[in-house]
Amino acid sequence: MNRKLKVGITQGDINGIGYEIIIKTLIDNRINDICIPIVYGSPKVAAYHRKALNISNFSFNHIKTTREANLKRANIINCLGDDVRVELGKSTNIAGEASFKSLERAVSDLKKGEIDVLVTAPVNKQNIQSDLFTFPGHTEYLESYFKTDGALMLMVRDFLKVGVVAGHIPFSKISSVITIENILDKIRIMNKSLIEDFTIRKPQIAVLGLNPHAGDEGLLGNEENGIIKPAIQKALEEDIMAFGPFAADGVFGSNYISKFNAILAMYHDQGVAPFKAIAFQNGVNFTAGLSIIRTSPAHGTAYELAGKNQASPDSFRTAIYLAIDIYFKRKENEELNKDPLQKQEIDI
């Protein structure tokens, strides 16, 4: 029987909808049957949001360490000082600092094994910037923190999985990132994740072109013939079932989606924009390629909805479910690949 996992949850931007989607998810006591939620945040800020949302039938169990977690309650660890100030719908330096303190403590506990998986509420990528956080997003921060050779932002919803080669970088710099080796690395990470995290035995991956109509055989650009096709060929030589390059509009605008287990886009908006158009309500952002498991909802801070009791918790709830599911699928994969033969010393 699968044990209940300790799910670490970061509060995100305290002026956005983070606490609303967290509370709306955890207010359903059935979540406690499948995991032990531990929020890294502030009881004071949580109380502020509960009052703003007029939620009276929910409260957190206050703890100092994960070892004190109540197995049947939603728990919260205080990461902030009493001087923290909430300004709903505004981007502030205090909110950025609060976002990072929550993330820092949660990731530290994750590394020490005090929580099993991490689910991050949305942050503001601008106000979280500091001397300690100089990354364009969670993906790059976690990639650096856990010293991995590469990570992949993978957007997930049931049948649809979309990764990107060039993530959070300016559009003007995309072409410098589109190289044979970078594309091949992302294909490898995607293939490995599909096998180990989603138990797809022989994944089939659709690789998109960079230019409109996948370059029209060189008429609209040479990256497809000179870079993307060679990367796909190298993947095939490694027995990875990668195909393309395909025109992005053709793949997302047809039944091609159902023919592949995942899609690798060349840059952020080429993959993420159509994904959100198709799967915004329940979409999840999963950081593939890491030794740890991190998911997040597929939306941002939504300042315009903060404190109005209008934010849907569906994506956040799905992010928790997916993190738990991936954890056990990784364990299952480890068991399947474990050498059943015990080594023995033989005297001759």
Protein backbone atom coordinates (compact mmCIF):
# COMPACT_ATOMS: atom_id res chain seq x y z
CA MET A 1 0.00 0.00 0.00
CA ASN A 2 1.38 3.41 -0.95
CA ARG A 3 2.27 5.60 2.02
CA LYS A 4 1.02 9.16 2.28
CA LEU A 5 3.58 11.59 0.93
CA LYS A 6 4.59 14.86 2.52
CA VAL A 7 3.76 17.45 -0.13
CA GLY A 8 5.66 20.71 0.29
CA ILE A 9 3.75 23.73 -0.99
CA THR A 10 5.27 27.18 -1.48
CA GLN A 11 3.02 30.17 -0.95
CA GLY A 12 4.06 32.02 -4.11
CA ASP A 13 3.36 35.75 -4.36
CA ILE A 14 1.41 36.80 -1.26
CA ASN A 15 -0.41 39.52 -3.22
CA GLY A 16 -1.70 37.14 -5.89
CA ILE A 17 -4.08 34.18 -5.90
CA GLY A 18 -1.61 31.72 -4.36
CA TYR A 19 -3.27 31.40 -0.98
CA GLU A 20 -6.72 31.31 -2.54
CA ILE A 21 -5.96 28.29 -4.70
CA ILE A 22 -4.04 26.63 -1.86
CA ILE A 23 -6.88 27.05 0.65
CA LYS A 24 -9.57 26.06 -1.86
CA THR A 25 -7.61 22.88 -2.58
CA LEU A 26 -6.86 21.99 1.03
CA ILE A 27 -10.30 22.86 2.42
CA ASP A 28 -11.53 19.54 0.99
CA ASN A 29 -10.53 17.09 3.72
CA ARG A 30 -10.26 14.26 1.20
CA ILE A 31 -6.86 15.62 0.20
CA ASN A 32 -5.61 14.47 3.62
CA ASP A 33 -6.40 10.87 2.69
CA ILE A 34 -3.77 10.87 -0.05
CA CYS A 35 -1.05 13.21 1.25
CA ILE A 36 0.22 15.36 4.11
CA PRO A 37 0.15 18.99 2.88
CA ILE A 38 2.83 21.29 4.32
CA VAL A 39 2.65 24.94 3.24
CA TYR A 40 5.77 27.07 3.49
CA GLY A 41 4.45 30.54 4.13
CA SER A 42 2.96 32.63 6.92
CA PRO A 43 -0.02 31.96 9.23
CA LYS A 44 -0.54 35.73 9.34
CA VAL A 45 -0.75 36.01 5.55
CA ALA A 46 -2.94 32.91 5.36
CA ALA A 47 -5.35 34.46 7.89
CA TYR A 48 -5.44 37.69 5.87
CA HIS A 49 -6.47 35.80 2.75
CA ARG A 50 -9.03 33.69 4.59
CA LYS A 51 -10.66 36.89 5.83
CA ALA A 52 -10.54 38.53 2.41
CA LEU A 53 -12.16 35.43 0.89
CA ASN A 54 -14.66 35.11 3.76
CA ILE A 55 -13.58 31.53 4.46
CA SER A 56 -14.32 30.62 8.09
CA ASN A 57 -14.43 26.81 7.99
CA PHE A 58 -10.72 26.21 7.41
CA SER A 59 -7.53 26.65 9.40
CA PHE A 60 -3.92 25.49 9.18
CA ASN A 61 -2.08 23.43 11.78
CA HIS A 62 0.95 25.56 12.73
CA ILE A 63 4.25 23.66 12.88
CA LYS A 64 7.94 24.53 13.05
CA THR A 65 9.34 21.48 11.25
CA THR A 66 7.98 18.80 8.97
CA ARG A 67 8.38 16.23 11.75
CA GLU A 68 5.56 17.95 13.64
CA ALA A 69 3.12 17.66 10.74
CA ASN A 70 -0.38 16.47 11.57
CA LEU A 71 -1.17 13.52 9.30
CA LYS A 72 -4.83 14.52 8.99
CA ARG A 73 -4.56 18.31 8.69
CA ALA A 74 -3.20 20.94 6.35
CA ASN A 75 0.01 22.19 7.97
CA ILE A 76 1.90 25.47 7.66
CA ILE A 77 5.49 26.41 8.50
CA ASN A 78 6.15 30.10 9.13
CA CYS A 79 8.94 31.43 6.90
CA LEU A 80 8.26 35.16 7.33
CA GLY A 81 8.53 37.84 9.99
CA ASP A 82 5.56 39.56 11.61
CA ASP A 83 6.22 42.74 9.62
CA VAL A 84 5.11 41.15 6.34
CA ARG A 85 2.52 43.24 4.52
CA VAL A 86 -0.10 42.05 2.06
CA GLU A 87 -1.22 44.43 -0.71
CA LEU A 88 -3.65 42.48 -2.84
CA GLY A 89 -3.16 42.80 -6.57
CA LYS A 90 0.16 44.66 -6.34
CA SER A 91 3.71 43.67 -7.19
CA THR A 92 5.89 44.68 -4.23
CA ASN A 93 9.43 44.02 -3.03
CA ILE A 94 8.05 42.52 0.17
CA ALA A 95 6.02 40.02 -1.85
CA GLY A 96 9.11 39.09 -3.86
CA GLU A 97 11.16 38.53 -0.71
CA ALA A 98 8.35 36.46 0.80
CA SER A 99 8.16 34.31 -2.33
CA PHE A 100 11.86 33.52 -2.17
CA LYS A 101 11.95 32.80 1.58
CA SER A 102 9.15 30.28 1.13
CA LEU A 103 10.87 28.66 -1.84
CA GLU A 104 14.27 28.61 -0.14
CA ARG A 105 12.99 26.81 2.97
CA ALA A 106 10.90 24.32 0.98
CA VAL A 107 13.73 23.42 -1.39
CA SER A 108 16.10 22.98 1.54
CA ASP A 109 13.67 20.54 3.17
CA LEU A 110 13.17 18.78 -0.16
CA LYS A 111 16.89 18.26 -0.55
CA LYS A 112 17.12 16.84 2.98
CA GLY A 113 14.25 14.44 2.30
CA GLU A 114 11.92 16.06 4.83
CA ILE A 115 9.26 16.43 2.16
CA ASP A 116 8.72 14.07 -0.76
CA VAL A 117 7.59 16.38 -3.56
CA LEU A 118 7.29 20.12 -4.17
CA VAL A 119 4.32 22.06 -5.54
CA THR A 120 4.94 25.76 -6.14
CA ALA A 121 2.29 28.47 -6.19
CA PRO A 122 2.84 31.22 -8.80
CA VAL A 123 5.51 33.89 -8.26
CA ASN A 124 6.16 37.19 -9.97
CA LYS A 125 9.36 36.63 -11.95
CA GLN A 126 10.30 40.29 -11.64
CA ASN A 127 9.79 41.09 -7.95
CA ILE A 128 11.43 37.84 -6.77
CA GLN A 129 14.75 38.93 -8.31
CA SER A 130 17.53 39.61 -5.77
CA ASP A 131 21.15 38.85 -5.05
CA LEU A 132 20.03 35.36 -3.99
CA PHE A 133 17.58 34.75 -6.84
CA THR A 134 18.89 35.73 -10.27
CA PHE A 135 16.92 33.26 -12.36
CA PRO A 136 14.13 33.78 -14.92
CA GLY A 137 11.92 31.23 -13.15
CA HIS A 138 11.54 28.18 -10.89
CA THR A 139 12.87 25.80 -13.55
CA GLU A 140 16.26 27.49 -13.83
CA TYR A 141 16.56 27.96 -10.05
CA LEU A 142 15.90 24.30 -9.35
CA GLU A 143 18.23 23.24 -12.16
CA SER A 144 21.02 25.25 -10.51
CA TYR A 145 20.16 24.28 -6.91
CA PHE A 146 20.20 20.55 -7.62
CA LYS A 147 23.19 20.88 -9.95
CA THR A 148 21.61 19.00 -12.82
CA ASP A 149 23.01 18.98 -16.35
CA GLY A 150 19.66 19.96 -17.79
CA ALA A 151 15.97 20.33 -17.05
CA LEU A 152 12.89 20.61 -19.22
CA MET A 153 9.77 22.65 -18.64
CA LEU A 154 7.06 20.13 -19.46
CA MET A 155 3.43 21.25 -19.61
CA VAL A 156 1.12 18.34 -18.80
CA ARG A 157 -2.54 17.54 -19.05
CA ASP A 158 -3.68 13.95 -19.56
CA PHE A 159 -3.06 13.21 -23.26
CA LEU A 160 -1.13 16.43 -23.94
CA LYS A 161 2.49 16.99 -22.93
CA VAL A 162 4.49 19.89 -24.33
CA GLY A 163 8.14 20.75 -23.66
CA VAL A 164 10.26 23.62 -24.95
CA VAL A 165 13.91 23.88 -26.01
CA ALA A 166 14.30 27.62 -25.34
CA GLY A 167 12.45 28.47 -22.14
CA HIS A 168 12.44 31.79 -20.31
CA ILE A 169 14.70 33.83 -22.56
CA PRO A 170 14.12 36.93 -24.73
CA PHE A 171 12.78 36.19 -28.19
CA SER A 172 15.82 37.85 -29.76
CA LYS A 173 18.08 35.19 -28.20
CA ILE A 174 16.11 32.11 -29.24
CA SER A 175 18.12 31.42 -32.39
CA SER A 176 21.35 31.19 -30.36
CA VAL A 177 19.84 28.42 -28.22
CA ILE A 178 18.50 26.37 -31.12
CA THR A 179 21.48 24.09 -31.66
CA ILE A 180 21.75 20.40 -32.50
CA GLU A 181 23.10 19.55 -29.04
CA ASN A 182 20.47 21.59 -27.14
CA ILE A 183 17.61 20.06 -29.10
CA LEU A 184 19.06 16.57 -28.66
CA ASP A 185 19.47 17.15 -24.90
CA LYS A 186 15.82 18.17 -24.54
CA ILE A 187 14.68 15.17 -26.60
CA ARG A 188 16.69 12.89 -24.31
CA ILE A 189 15.25 14.47 -21.15
CA MET A 190 11.71 14.27 -22.54
CA ASN A 191 12.11 10.65 -23.58
CA LYS A 192 13.56 9.64 -20.19
CA SER A 193 10.79 11.47 -18.32
CA LEU A 194 8.05 9.89 -20.42
CA ILE A 195 9.47 6.46 -19.58
CA GLU A 196 10.27 6.95 -15.89
CA ASP A 197 7.67 9.54 -14.81
CA PHE A 198 4.72 8.55 -17.00
CA THR A 199 5.47 4.81 -17.58
CA ILE A 200 5.30 5.11 -21.37
CA ARG A 201 7.51 2.27 -22.55
CA LYS A 202 8.37 3.49 -26.07
CA PRO A 203 7.47 7.18 -26.29
CA GLN A 204 6.85 8.85 -29.61
CA ILE A 205 7.88 12.51 -29.69
CA ALA A 206 6.84 15.15 -32.22
CA VAL A 207 9.53 17.79 -32.74
CA LEU A 208 8.36 21.15 -34.07
CA GLY A 209 10.17 23.36 -36.55
CA LEU A 210 11.39 26.84 -35.68
CA ASN A 211 10.05 28.73 -38.69
CA PRO A 212 6.53 29.03 -40.12
CA HIS A 213 5.49 25.84 -41.95
CA ALA A 214 8.68 24.20 -40.60
CA GLY A 215 10.71 26.30 -43.02
CA ASP A 216 9.00 25.11 -46.23
CA GLU A 217 12.12 23.16 -47.25
CA GLY A 218 14.39 26.14 -46.79
CA LEU A 219 12.14 28.78 -48.29
CA LEU A 220 11.35 30.33 -44.89
CA GLY A 221 14.53 29.43 -43.03
CA ASN A 222 17.34 26.88 -42.84
CA GLU A 223 17.20 25.86 -39.18
CA GLU A 224 14.98 22.86 -39.91
CA ASN A 225 17.36 21.32 -42.45
CA GLY A 226 20.61 22.41 -40.85
CA ILE A 227 19.87 21.95 -37.12
CA ILE A 228 16.57 20.31 -36.20
CA LYS A 229 16.63 17.39 -38.65
CA PRO A 230 20.20 16.41 -37.68
CA ALA A 231 19.19 16.48 -34.00
CA ILE A 232 16.22 14.22 -34.73
CA GLN A 233 18.44 11.86 -36.71
CA LYS A 234 20.88 11.60 -33.79
CA ALA A 235 17.96 10.83 -31.47
CA LEU A 236 16.77 8.07 -33.79
CA GLU A 237 20.28 6.61 -33.77
CA GLU A 238 19.96 6.43 -29.96
CA ASP A 239 16.72 4.48 -30.40
CA ILE A 240 14.56 7.46 -29.37
CA MET A 241 11.37 7.72 -31.41
CA ALA A 242 11.53 11.40 -32.36
CA PHE A 243 9.85 12.64 -35.53
CA GLY A 244 9.64 15.89 -37.46
CA PRO A 245 10.21 18.72 -37.76
CA PHE A 246 6.53 19.51 -37.98
CA ALA A 247 4.82 22.85 -38.50
CA ALA A 248 3.47 24.02 -35.12
CA ASP A 249 0.11 25.15 -36.46
CA GLY A 250 -0.41 21.82 -38.17
CA VAL A 251 0.33 19.80 -35.04
CA PHE A 252 -1.79 21.85 -32.63
CA GLY A 253 -4.53 22.44 -35.16
CA SER A 254 -5.14 18.79 -36.08
CA ASN A 255 -5.37 15.30 -34.63
CA TYR A 256 -1.57 15.02 -34.65
CA ILE A 257 -1.71 15.60 -30.90
CA SER A 258 -3.27 12.20 -30.38
CA LYS A 259 -0.60 10.45 -32.46
CA PHE A 260 2.32 11.39 -30.19
CA ASN A 261 3.04 11.03 -26.50
CA ALA A 262 4.63 14.47 -26.30
CA ILE A 263 5.52 17.53 -28.36
CA LEU A 264 8.84 19.37 -28.23
CA ALA A 265 8.48 23.02 -29.24
CA MET A 266 11.45 25.19 -30.08
CA TYR A 267 10.55 28.17 -27.87
CA HIS A 268 8.26 29.13 -25.01
CA ASP A 269 5.23 30.68 -26.70
CA GLN A 270 5.30 28.22 -29.60
CA GLY A 271 4.49 25.44 -27.14
CA VAL A 272 3.03 27.04 -24.03
CA ALA A 273 0.53 29.37 -25.74
CA PRO A 274 -1.36 26.61 -27.61
CA PHE A 275 -1.08 24.32 -24.57
CA LYS A 276 -2.82 26.88 -22.38
CA ALA A 277 -5.44 27.50 -25.05
CA ILE A 278 -6.24 23.79 -25.00
CA ALA A 279 -5.63 22.86 -21.37
CA PHE A 280 -5.49 26.01 -19.24
CA GLN A 281 -8.01 24.95 -16.59
CA ASN A 282 -6.27 21.72 -15.57
CA GLY A 283 -2.80 22.15 -17.05
CA VAL A 284 0.28 21.57 -14.91
CA ASN A 285 3.89 22.68 -15.27
CA PHE A 286 6.29 19.82 -14.40
CA THR A 287 10.06 20.29 -14.25
CA ALA A 288 11.36 17.15 -15.97
CA GLY A 289 14.97 16.03 -15.77
CA LEU A 290 15.52 16.70 -12.05
CA SER A 291 16.25 14.17 -9.33
CA ILE A 292 13.39 15.72 -7.32
CA ILE A 293 9.74 16.22 -8.29
CA ARG A 294 8.31 19.70 -8.72
CA THR A 295 5.01 20.74 -10.24
CA SER A 296 3.02 23.97 -10.37
CA PRO A 297 -0.26 25.24 -11.80
CA ALA A 298 -0.13 26.38 -15.42
CA HIS A 299 -1.10 29.97 -14.58
CA GLY A 300 0.46 33.00 -12.96
CA THR A 301 -0.19 35.26 -9.99
CA ALA A 302 -3.42 36.68 -11.51
CA TYR A 303 -3.23 39.93 -9.51
CA GLU A 304 -6.48 41.05 -11.09
CA LEU A 305 -8.33 38.24 -9.28
CA ALA A 306 -6.59 38.49 -5.92
CA GLY A 307 -8.98 38.62 -2.97
CA LYS A 308 -12.09 38.36 -5.14
CA ASN A 309 -12.85 34.68 -4.56
CA GLN A 310 -12.89 34.05 -8.31
CA ALA A 311 -9.73 31.96 -8.82
CA SER A 312 -10.13 28.30 -9.74
CA PRO A 313 -8.03 25.80 -7.77
CA ASP A 314 -8.33 23.10 -10.45
CA SER A 315 -4.85 23.50 -11.93
CA PHE A 316 -3.22 23.65 -8.50
CA ARG A 317 -5.12 20.60 -7.27
CA THR A 318 -4.07 18.71 -10.40
CA ALA A 319 -0.46 19.76 -9.77
CA ILE A 320 -0.58 18.03 -6.37
CA TYR A 321 -2.10 14.88 -7.86
CA LEU A 322 0.51 14.79 -10.64
CA ALA A 323 3.44 15.23 -8.24
CA ILE A 324 2.21 12.31 -6.14
CA ASP A 325 1.55 10.18 -9.22
CA ILE A 326 5.04 10.81 -10.63
CA TYR A 327 6.63 9.96 -7.28
CA PHE A 328 5.07 6.51 -7.21
CA LYS A 329 5.67 5.91 -10.92
CA ARG A 330 9.37 6.60 -10.39
CA LYS A 331 9.38 4.09 -7.54
CA GLU A 332 7.59 1.59 -9.76
CA ASN A 333 10.13 2.12 -12.53
CA GLU A 334 13.00 1.62 -10.07
CA GLU A 335 11.48 -1.68 -8.95
CA LEU A 336 10.96 -2.86 -12.53
CA ASN A 337 14.57 -2.14 -13.41
CA LYS A 338 16.11 -3.55 -10.26
CA ASP A 339 18.45 -6.49 -10.85
CA PRO A 340 16.56 -9.53 -9.50
CA LEU A 341 19.73 -11.61 -9.28
CA GLN A 342 21.73 -11.23 -6.11
CA LYS A 343 25.49 -11.21 -6.53
CA GLN A 344 27.13 -14.23 -4.89
CA GLU A 345 30.70 -15.23 -4.29
CA ILE A 346 31.53 -18.57 -5.91
CA ASP A 347 34.54 -20.60 -4.86
CA ILE A 348 36.18 -22.43 -7.72
